[in-house]
Amino acid sequence: MDAQPTKLAYVTGASRGIGEALVQQLLAAGYRVIGLSRTTKIDHPNFTFVQLDLSNLEAVKSFTFDETAPHVLLVNNAGMLGEVGSVGAITDSTFERVMRVNTIAPQILMNQFIKTFNKIAESGHILNISSGAGKNAIDGWAAYCASKAALDLFSETVRLEFNLHQTENWFIHSIAPGVVDTEMQSEIRNSDPSEFKSLDRFIALKTENQLASPTAVAEKLFSVIQEPKQFESTILSVRDF
């Protein structure tokens, strides 16, 4: 019987885009991967699909980290843009759904991940996929911007607690991936120009071939996973390395 992998990764939003590309990187590196998403296209002996809708917080709270390994990783990659439009012109439910998927569900998963593994794993790492929108206001994206800003500060607080409690071999990073050629970018380009004054800039990014590929971004994210000690800042951007 083949030896069990010593590295285990849980990845949300593993069905497409950056999440799928990162899962492929992890599998190629010998990780056992649990993909948490609504669907999957990945077929690999070391990959297990778990259907999980992050907008359903009761389902998220019911999820258990029931597989373990000496080295564990949680990647909170799943996210949603939500309805694009000015505050006062969008539905109230947009705020609720975006915050559930982008902020509250990752917070719950991080809480349970640390609770489950901090006493039994040799090392742990949390990698949150953030956004430059968490640092810079973008018209029409109030819910998305706020959700990513919250994720960044939550990550910094977890890092502070690791340091205060002298939690060894545990790391957390919140990384902005830049503008990536994903379905979210396609969704952005289909926005109503009357509700999104920055639309032309995002259309130009596509037409001028300035969007990074999910694979290229996944390679940079994997470099942080490989050597987390080399990245001292909690808040990072792939443009910086």
C-alpha atoms as a PDB file:
ATOM      1  CA  MET A   1       0.000   0.000   0.000  1.00  0.00           C
ATOM      2  CA  ASP A   2       1.260   3.473  -0.856  1.00  0.00           C
ATOM      3  CA  ALA A   3       2.166   5.714   2.052  1.00  0.00           C
ATOM      4  CA  GLN A   4      -0.435   8.285   2.999  1.00  0.00           C
ATOM      5  CA  PRO A   5       0.458  11.888   2.058  1.00  0.00           C
ATOM      6  CA  THR A   6       1.900  13.882   4.955  1.00  0.00           C
ATOM      7  CA  LYS A   7       0.379  17.122   3.666  1.00  0.00           C
ATOM      8  CA  LEU A   8      -3.364  17.742   3.597  1.00  0.00           C
ATOM      9  CA  ALA A   9      -5.124  20.745   2.061  1.00  0.00           C
ATOM     10  CA  TYR A  10      -8.717  21.889   2.313  1.00  0.00           C
ATOM     11  CA  VAL A  11      -9.583  24.286  -0.533  1.00  0.00           C
ATOM     12  CA  THR A  12     -12.849  26.178  -0.988  1.00  0.00           C
ATOM     13  CA  GLY A  13     -13.985  27.161  -4.464  1.00  0.00           C
ATOM     14  CA  ALA A  14     -11.999  24.285  -5.916  1.00  0.00           C
ATOM     15  CA  SER A  15     -14.181  23.851  -9.011  1.00  0.00           C
ATOM     16  CA  ARG A  16     -12.790  26.610 -11.234  1.00  0.00           C
ATOM     17  CA  GLY A  17     -10.415  29.525 -11.661  1.00  0.00           C
ATOM     18  CA  ILE A  18      -7.682  30.074  -9.101  1.00  0.00           C
ATOM     19  CA  GLY A  19      -9.050  27.353  -6.815  1.00  0.00           C
ATOM     20  CA  GLU A  20      -8.927  24.651  -9.457  1.00  0.00           C
ATOM     21  CA  ALA A  21      -5.462  25.738 -10.632  1.00  0.00           C
ATOM     22  CA  LEU A  22      -4.137  25.698  -7.065  1.00  0.00           C
ATOM     23  CA  VAL A  23      -5.622  22.257  -6.409  1.00  0.00           C
ATOM     24  CA  GLN A  24      -3.723  20.948  -9.443  1.00  0.00           C
ATOM     25  CA  GLN A  25      -0.508  22.473  -8.063  1.00  0.00           C
ATOM     26  CA  LEU A  26      -1.083  20.863  -4.674  1.00  0.00           C
ATOM     27  CA  LEU A  27      -1.868  17.453  -6.136  1.00  0.00           C
ATOM     28  CA  ALA A  28       1.262  17.578  -8.302  1.00  0.00           C
ATOM     29  CA  ALA A  29       3.261  18.336  -5.151  1.00  0.00           C
ATOM     30  CA  GLY A  30       1.927  15.245  -3.370  1.00  0.00           C
ATOM     31  CA  TYR A  31      -0.796  16.800  -1.232  1.00  0.00           C
ATOM     32  CA  ARG A  32      -4.010  15.085  -0.291  1.00  0.00           C
ATOM     33  CA  VAL A  33      -6.700  17.641  -1.198  1.00  0.00           C
ATOM     34  CA  ILE A  34     -10.275  18.049   0.009  1.00  0.00           C
ATOM     35  CA  GLY A  35     -12.161  20.334  -2.370  1.00  0.00           C
ATOM     36  CA  LEU A  36     -15.060  22.253  -0.839  1.00  0.00           C
ATOM     37  CA  SER A  37     -17.346  23.647  -3.517  1.00  0.00           C
ATOM     38  CA  ARG A  38     -20.739  23.204  -5.155  1.00  0.00           C
ATOM     39  CA  THR A  39     -19.364  21.230  -8.132  1.00  0.00           C
ATOM     40  CA  THR A  40     -16.088  19.745  -9.326  1.00  0.00           C
ATOM     41  CA  LYS A  41     -14.354  18.588 -12.509  1.00  0.00           C
ATOM     42  CA  ILE A  42     -11.232  17.200 -10.833  1.00  0.00           C
ATOM     43  CA  ASP A  43     -10.557  13.472 -10.963  1.00  0.00           C
ATOM     44  CA  HIS A  44      -7.468  12.385  -9.024  1.00  0.00           C
ATOM     45  CA  PRO A  45      -6.827   9.587  -6.494  1.00  0.00           C
ATOM     46  CA  ASN A  46      -5.676  12.112  -3.874  1.00  0.00           C
ATOM     47  CA  PHE A  47      -8.625  14.448  -4.373  1.00  0.00           C
ATOM     48  CA  THR A  48     -11.934  14.242  -2.542  1.00  0.00           C
ATOM     49  CA  PHE A  49     -14.888  16.450  -3.420  1.00  0.00           C
ATOM     50  CA  VAL A  50     -17.170  17.667  -0.632  1.00  0.00           C
ATOM     51  CA  GLN A  51     -20.222  19.594  -1.755  1.00  0.00           C
ATOM     52  CA  LEU A  52     -20.497  22.737   0.333  1.00  0.00           C
ATOM     53  CA  ASP A  53     -22.410  25.953  -0.376  1.00  0.00           C
ATOM     54  CA  LEU A  54     -20.684  28.719   1.582  1.00  0.00           C
ATOM     55  CA  SER A  55     -23.792  30.902   1.422  1.00  0.00           C
ATOM     56  CA  ASN A  56     -25.511  28.323   3.657  1.00  0.00           C
ATOM     57  CA  LEU A  57     -23.972  29.071   7.044  1.00  0.00           C
ATOM     58  CA  GLU A  58     -25.732  26.163   8.753  1.00  0.00           C
ATOM     59  CA  ALA A  59     -24.019  23.811   6.288  1.00  0.00           C
ATOM     60  CA  VAL A  60     -20.686  25.533   6.903  1.00  0.00           C
ATOM     61  CA  LYS A  61     -21.077  25.194  10.675  1.00  0.00           C
ATOM     62  CA  SER A  62     -21.922  21.515  10.236  1.00  0.00           C
ATOM     63  CA  PHE A  63     -18.779  20.801   8.215  1.00  0.00           C
ATOM     64  CA  THR A  64     -16.069  18.926  10.113  1.00  0.00           C
ATOM     65  CA  PHE A  65     -12.365  18.657   9.390  1.00  0.00           C
ATOM     66  CA  ASP A  66     -12.355  14.886   9.813  1.00  0.00           C
ATOM     67  CA  GLU A  67      -9.210  14.060   7.847  1.00  0.00           C
ATOM     68  CA  THR A  68      -5.813  14.930   9.256  1.00  0.00           C
ATOM     69  CA  ALA A  69      -2.126  14.816   8.444  1.00  0.00           C
ATOM     70  CA  PRO A  70       1.099  16.123  10.024  1.00  0.00           C
ATOM     71  CA  HIS A  71       0.944  19.282   7.882  1.00  0.00           C
ATOM     72  CA  VAL A  72      -2.431  20.893   7.233  1.00  0.00           C
ATOM     73  CA  LEU A  73      -3.482  23.758   4.989  1.00  0.00           C
ATOM     74  CA  LEU A  74      -6.755  25.670   4.603  1.00  0.00           C
ATOM     75  CA  VAL A  75      -7.261  27.813   1.495  1.00  0.00           C
ATOM     76  CA  ASN A  76     -10.270  30.129   1.615  1.00  0.00           C
ATOM     77  CA  ASN A  77     -10.508  30.828  -2.093  1.00  0.00           C
ATOM     78  CA  ALA A  78     -14.241  30.919  -2.837  1.00  0.00           C
ATOM     79  CA  GLY A  79     -15.748  34.348  -3.239  1.00  0.00           C
ATOM     80  CA  MET A  80     -18.483  36.302  -4.950  1.00  0.00           C
ATOM     81  CA  LEU A  81     -18.779  39.830  -6.294  1.00  0.00           C
ATOM     82  CA  GLY A  82     -22.490  40.233  -5.689  1.00  0.00           C
ATOM     83  CA  GLU A  83     -24.826  42.696  -7.340  1.00  0.00           C
ATOM     84  CA  VAL A  84     -22.916  45.626  -8.861  1.00  0.00           C
ATOM     85  CA  GLY A  85     -24.514  48.972  -8.100  1.00  0.00           C
ATOM     86  CA  SER A  86     -24.396  52.013  -5.860  1.00  0.00           C
ATOM     87  CA  VAL A  87     -25.459  51.810  -2.243  1.00  0.00           C
ATOM     88  CA  GLY A  88     -29.099  52.815  -2.210  1.00  0.00           C
ATOM     89  CA  ALA A  89     -29.736  51.195  -5.576  1.00  0.00           C
ATOM     90  CA  ILE A  90     -29.054  47.536  -4.822  1.00  0.00           C
ATOM     91  CA  THR A  91     -31.016  44.929  -2.906  1.00  0.00           C
ATOM     92  CA  ASP A  92     -30.448  44.473   0.815  1.00  0.00           C
ATOM     93  CA  SER A  93     -29.862  40.746   0.330  1.00  0.00           C
ATOM     94  CA  THR A  94     -26.689  41.501  -1.657  1.00  0.00           C
ATOM     95  CA  PHE A  95     -24.886  42.622   1.493  1.00  0.00           C
ATOM     96  CA  GLU A  96     -25.991  39.571   3.414  1.00  0.00           C
ATOM     97  CA  ARG A  97     -25.005  37.037   0.764  1.00  0.00           C
ATOM     98  CA  VAL A  98     -21.631  38.608  -0.065  1.00  0.00           C
ATOM     99  CA  MET A  99     -20.634  38.830   3.587  1.00  0.00           C
ATOM    100  CA  ARG A 100     -21.718  35.230   4.192  1.00  0.00           C
ATOM    101  CA  VAL A 101     -19.628  33.836   1.331  1.00  0.00           C
ATOM    102  CA  ASN A 102     -16.602  36.138   1.470  1.00  0.00           C
ATOM    103  CA  THR A 103     -16.245  36.772   5.192  1.00  0.00           C
ATOM    104  CA  ILE A 104     -18.427  34.845   7.632  1.00  0.00           C
ATOM    105  CA  ALA A 105     -18.030  31.376   6.096  1.00  0.00           C
ATOM    106  CA  PRO A 106     -14.205  31.708   5.945  1.00  0.00           C
ATOM    107  CA  GLN A 107     -14.198  32.944   9.549  1.00  0.00           C
ATOM    108  CA  ILE A 108     -16.156  29.888  10.684  1.00  0.00           C
ATOM    109  CA  LEU A 109     -13.888  27.547   8.722  1.00  0.00           C
ATOM    110  CA  MET A 110     -10.758  29.175  10.151  1.00  0.00           C
ATOM    111  CA  ASN A 111     -12.133  28.914  13.666  1.00  0.00           C
ATOM    112  CA  GLN A 112     -12.903  25.205  13.280  1.00  0.00           C
ATOM    113  CA  PHE A 113      -9.635  24.517  11.426  1.00  0.00           C
ATOM    114  CA  ILE A 114      -7.524  25.995  14.228  1.00  0.00           C
ATOM    115  CA  LYS A 115      -9.656  24.351  16.901  1.00  0.00           C
ATOM    116  CA  THR A 116      -9.285  20.955  15.210  1.00  0.00           C
ATOM    117  CA  PHE A 117      -5.601  20.970  14.355  1.00  0.00           C
ATOM    118  CA  ASN A 118      -3.655  23.331  16.601  1.00  0.00           C
ATOM    119  CA  LYS A 119      -2.870  20.601  19.143  1.00  0.00           C
ATOM    120  CA  ILE A 120      -2.347  17.655  16.798  1.00  0.00           C
ATOM    121  CA  ALA A 121      -0.697  18.901  13.604  1.00  0.00           C
ATOM    122  CA  GLU A 122       3.016  19.566  13.300  1.00  0.00           C
ATOM    123  CA  SER A 123       2.251  22.673  11.264  1.00  0.00           C
ATOM    124  CA  GLY A 124      -0.756  24.588  10.016  1.00  0.00           C
ATOM    125  CA  HIS A 125      -1.232  27.246   7.379  1.00  0.00           C
ATOM    126  CA  ILE A 126      -4.240  29.350   6.407  1.00  0.00           C
ATOM    127  CA  LEU A 127      -4.225  31.078   3.036  1.00  0.00           C
ATOM    128  CA  ASN A 128      -7.037  33.522   2.370  1.00  0.00           C
ATOM    129  CA  ILE A 129      -7.650  34.887  -1.121  1.00  0.00           C
ATOM    130  CA  SER A 130      -8.303  38.570  -0.620  1.00  0.00           C
ATOM    131  CA  SER A 131      -8.473  41.433  -3.124  1.00  0.00           C
ATOM    132  CA  GLY A 132      -7.046  44.849  -3.795  1.00  0.00           C
ATOM    133  CA  ALA A 133     -10.665  45.942  -3.441  1.00  0.00           C
ATOM    134  CA  GLY A 134     -10.259  45.352   0.289  1.00  0.00           C
ATOM    135  CA  LYS A 135      -7.855  48.305   0.388  1.00  0.00           C
ATOM    136  CA  ASN A 136      -9.235  50.556  -2.336  1.00  0.00           C
ATOM    137  CA  ALA A 137     -12.845  51.674  -2.723  1.00  0.00           C
ATOM    138  CA  ILE A 138     -14.399  50.778  -6.086  1.00  0.00           C
ATOM    139  CA  ASP A 139     -17.744  52.217  -7.081  1.00  0.00           C
ATOM    140  CA  GLY A 140     -20.536  49.661  -7.274  1.00  0.00           C
ATOM    141  CA  TRP A 141     -18.625  47.149  -5.170  1.00  0.00           C
ATOM    142  CA  ALA A 142     -19.330  48.325  -1.611  1.00  0.00           C
ATOM    143  CA  ALA A 143     -20.269  44.883  -0.292  1.00  0.00           C
ATOM    144  CA  TYR A 144     -17.322  43.162  -1.980  1.00  0.00           C
ATOM    145  CA  CYS A 145     -14.807  45.798  -0.837  1.00  0.00           C
ATOM    146  CA  ALA A 146     -16.052  45.618   2.750  1.00  0.00           C
ATOM    147  CA  SER A 147     -16.026  41.819   2.780  1.00  0.00           C
ATOM    148  CA  LYS A 148     -12.384  41.626   1.671  1.00  0.00           C
ATOM    149  CA  ALA A 149     -11.279  44.376   4.059  1.00  0.00           C
ATOM    150  CA  ALA A 150     -12.866  42.380   6.877  1.00  0.00           C
ATOM    151  CA  LEU A 151     -11.080  39.215   5.750  1.00  0.00           C
ATOM    152  CA  ASP A 152      -7.727  41.023   5.799  1.00  0.00           C
ATOM    153  CA  LEU A 153      -8.168  42.397   9.308  1.00  0.00           C
ATOM    154  CA  PHE A 154      -9.469  39.077  10.597  1.00  0.00           C
ATOM    155  CA  SER A 155      -6.307  37.446   9.201  1.00  0.00           C
ATOM    156  CA  GLU A 156      -4.079  40.021  10.894  1.00  0.00           C
ATOM    157  CA  THR A 157      -5.858  39.379  14.188  1.00  0.00           C
ATOM    158  CA  VAL A 158      -5.330  35.616  13.887  1.00  0.00           C
ATOM    159  CA  ARG A 159      -1.633  36.244  13.196  1.00  0.00           C
ATOM    160  CA  LEU A 160      -1.443  38.447  16.308  1.00  0.00           C
ATOM    161  CA  GLU A 161      -3.026  35.689  18.389  1.00  0.00           C
ATOM    162  CA  PHE A 162      -0.587  33.102  17.014  1.00  0.00           C
ATOM    163  CA  ASN A 163       2.262  35.362  18.137  1.00  0.00           C
ATOM    164  CA  LEU A 164       0.794  36.176  21.558  1.00  0.00           C
ATOM    165  CA  HIS A 165       0.096  32.528  22.311  1.00  0.00           C
ATOM    166  CA  GLN A 166       3.479  31.477  20.885  1.00  0.00           C
ATOM    167  CA  THR A 167       1.767  29.092  18.490  1.00  0.00           C
ATOM    168  CA  GLU A 168       4.691  27.490  16.695  1.00  0.00           C
ATOM    169  CA  ASN A 169       4.655  26.453  13.043  1.00  0.00           C
ATOM    170  CA  TRP A 170       1.303  28.094  12.322  1.00  0.00           C
ATOM    171  CA  PHE A 171       0.995  30.685   9.585  1.00  0.00           C
ATOM    172  CA  ILE A 172      -1.702  32.817   8.017  1.00  0.00           C
ATOM    173  CA  HIS A 173      -1.636  34.983   4.899  1.00  0.00           C
ATOM    174  CA  SER A 174      -4.302  36.996   3.114  1.00  0.00           C
ATOM    175  CA  ILE A 175      -3.246  37.494  -0.489  1.00  0.00           C
ATOM    176  CA  ALA A 176      -4.652  39.720  -3.224  1.00  0.00           C
ATOM    177  CA  PRO A 177      -4.285  37.797  -6.504  1.00  0.00           C
ATOM    178  CA  GLY A 178      -4.486  40.827  -8.802  1.00  0.00           C
ATOM    179  CA  VAL A 179      -6.705  40.910 -11.871  1.00  0.00           C
ATOM    180  CA  VAL A 180      -7.134  37.336 -13.059  1.00  0.00           C
ATOM    181  CA  ASP A 181      -8.885  35.921 -16.107  1.00  0.00           C
ATOM    182  CA  THR A 182     -11.749  34.219 -14.273  1.00  0.00           C
ATOM    183  CA  GLU A 183     -15.542  34.098 -14.484  1.00  0.00           C
ATOM    184  CA  MET A 184     -15.698  36.945 -11.969  1.00  0.00           C
ATOM    185  CA  GLN A 185     -13.909  39.215 -14.448  1.00  0.00           C
ATOM    186  CA  SER A 186     -16.423  38.196 -17.108  1.00  0.00           C
ATOM    187  CA  GLU A 187     -19.212  39.060 -14.693  1.00  0.00           C
ATOM    188  CA  ILE A 188     -17.607  42.462 -14.047  1.00  0.00           C
ATOM    189  CA  ARG A 189     -17.419  43.255 -17.771  1.00  0.00           C
ATOM    190  CA  ASN A 190     -21.150  42.570 -18.102  1.00  0.00           C
ATOM    191  CA  SER A 191     -22.038  45.177 -15.473  1.00  0.00           C
ATOM    192  CA  ASP A 192     -24.428  48.017 -16.157  1.00  0.00           C
ATOM    193  CA  PRO A 193     -22.253  51.040 -17.055  1.00  0.00           C
ATOM    194  CA  SER A 194     -24.731  53.374 -15.395  1.00  0.00           C
ATOM    195  CA  GLU A 195     -24.101  51.601 -12.065  1.00  0.00           C
ATOM    196  CA  PHE A 196     -20.384  50.928 -12.528  1.00  0.00           C
ATOM    197  CA  LYS A 197     -18.351  53.919 -13.659  1.00  0.00           C
ATOM    198  CA  SER A 198     -15.105  51.901 -13.701  1.00  0.00           C
ATOM    199  CA  LEU A 199     -16.410  49.487 -16.338  1.00  0.00           C
ATOM    200  CA  ASP A 200     -14.210  50.749 -19.202  1.00  0.00           C
ATOM    201  CA  ARG A 201     -11.066  50.121 -17.157  1.00  0.00           C
ATOM    202  CA  PHE A 202     -11.968  46.466 -16.632  1.00  0.00           C
ATOM    203  CA  ILE A 203     -12.924  45.975 -20.275  1.00  0.00           C
ATOM    204  CA  ALA A 204      -9.525  47.400 -21.245  1.00  0.00           C
ATOM    205  CA  LEU A 205      -7.736  44.930 -18.976  1.00  0.00           C
ATOM    206  CA  LYS A 206      -9.203  42.101 -21.046  1.00  0.00           C
ATOM    207  CA  THR A 207      -8.735  43.633 -24.485  1.00  0.00           C
ATOM    208  CA  GLU A 208      -5.152  44.642 -23.679  1.00  0.00           C
ATOM    209  CA  ASN A 209      -4.279  41.159 -22.348  1.00  0.00           C
ATOM    210  CA  GLN A 210      -3.477  42.438 -18.878  1.00  0.00           C
ATOM    211  CA  LEU A 211      -5.329  39.693 -17.002  1.00  0.00           C
ATOM    212  CA  ALA A 212      -3.160  37.078 -15.324  1.00  0.00           C
ATOM    213  CA  SER A 213      -3.954  33.407 -15.867  1.00  0.00           C
ATOM    214  CA  PRO A 214      -5.272  31.367 -12.914  1.00  0.00           C
ATOM    215  CA  THR A 215      -2.305  29.005 -13.344  1.00  0.00           C
ATOM    216  CA  ALA A 216       0.255  31.804 -13.065  1.00  0.00           C
ATOM    217  CA  VAL A 217      -1.429  33.129  -9.924  1.00  0.00           C
ATOM    218  CA  ALA A 218      -1.664  29.634  -8.435  1.00  0.00           C
ATOM    219  CA  GLU A 219       2.079  29.197  -8.914  1.00  0.00           C
ATOM    220  CA  LYS A 220       2.733  32.344  -6.880  1.00  0.00           C
ATOM    221  CA  LEU A 221       0.314  31.270  -4.171  1.00  0.00           C
ATOM    222  CA  PHE A 222       2.027  27.906  -4.024  1.00  0.00           C
ATOM    223  CA  SER A 223       5.363  29.617  -3.410  1.00  0.00           C
ATOM    224  CA  VAL A 224       3.888  31.056  -0.202  1.00  0.00           C
ATOM    225  CA  ILE A 225       2.552  27.633   0.776  1.00  0.00           C
ATOM    226  CA  GLN A 226       5.980  26.068   0.229  1.00  0.00           C
ATOM    227  CA  GLU A 227       7.910  28.640   2.277  1.00  0.00           C
ATOM    228  CA  PRO A 228       5.490  30.474   4.588  1.00  0.00           C
ATOM    229  CA  LYS A 229       8.290  31.655   6.882  1.00  0.00           C
ATOM    230  CA  GLN A 230       9.748  33.669   4.020  1.00  0.00           C
ATOM    231  CA  PHE A 231       6.631  35.858   3.863  1.00  0.00           C
ATOM    232  CA  GLU A 232       6.535  37.770   7.138  1.00  0.00           C
ATOM    233  CA  SER A 233       3.657  40.097   6.253  1.00  0.00           C
ATOM    234  CA  THR A 234       0.176  38.708   6.743  1.00  0.00           C
ATOM    235  CA  ILE A 235      -1.308  40.894   4.002  1.00  0.00           C
ATOM    236  CA  LEU A 236       0.282  40.289   0.614  1.00  0.00           C
ATOM    237  CA  SER A 237      -0.274  40.880  -3.086  1.00  0.00           C
ATOM    238  CA  VAL A 238       1.007  38.542  -5.799  1.00  0.00           C
ATOM    239  CA  ARG A 239       2.337  41.656  -7.510  1.00  0.00           C
ATOM    240  CA  ASP A 240       4.901  41.962  -4.719  1.00  0.00           C
ATOM    241  CA  PHE A 241       6.647  38.635  -5.419  1.00  0.00           C
END
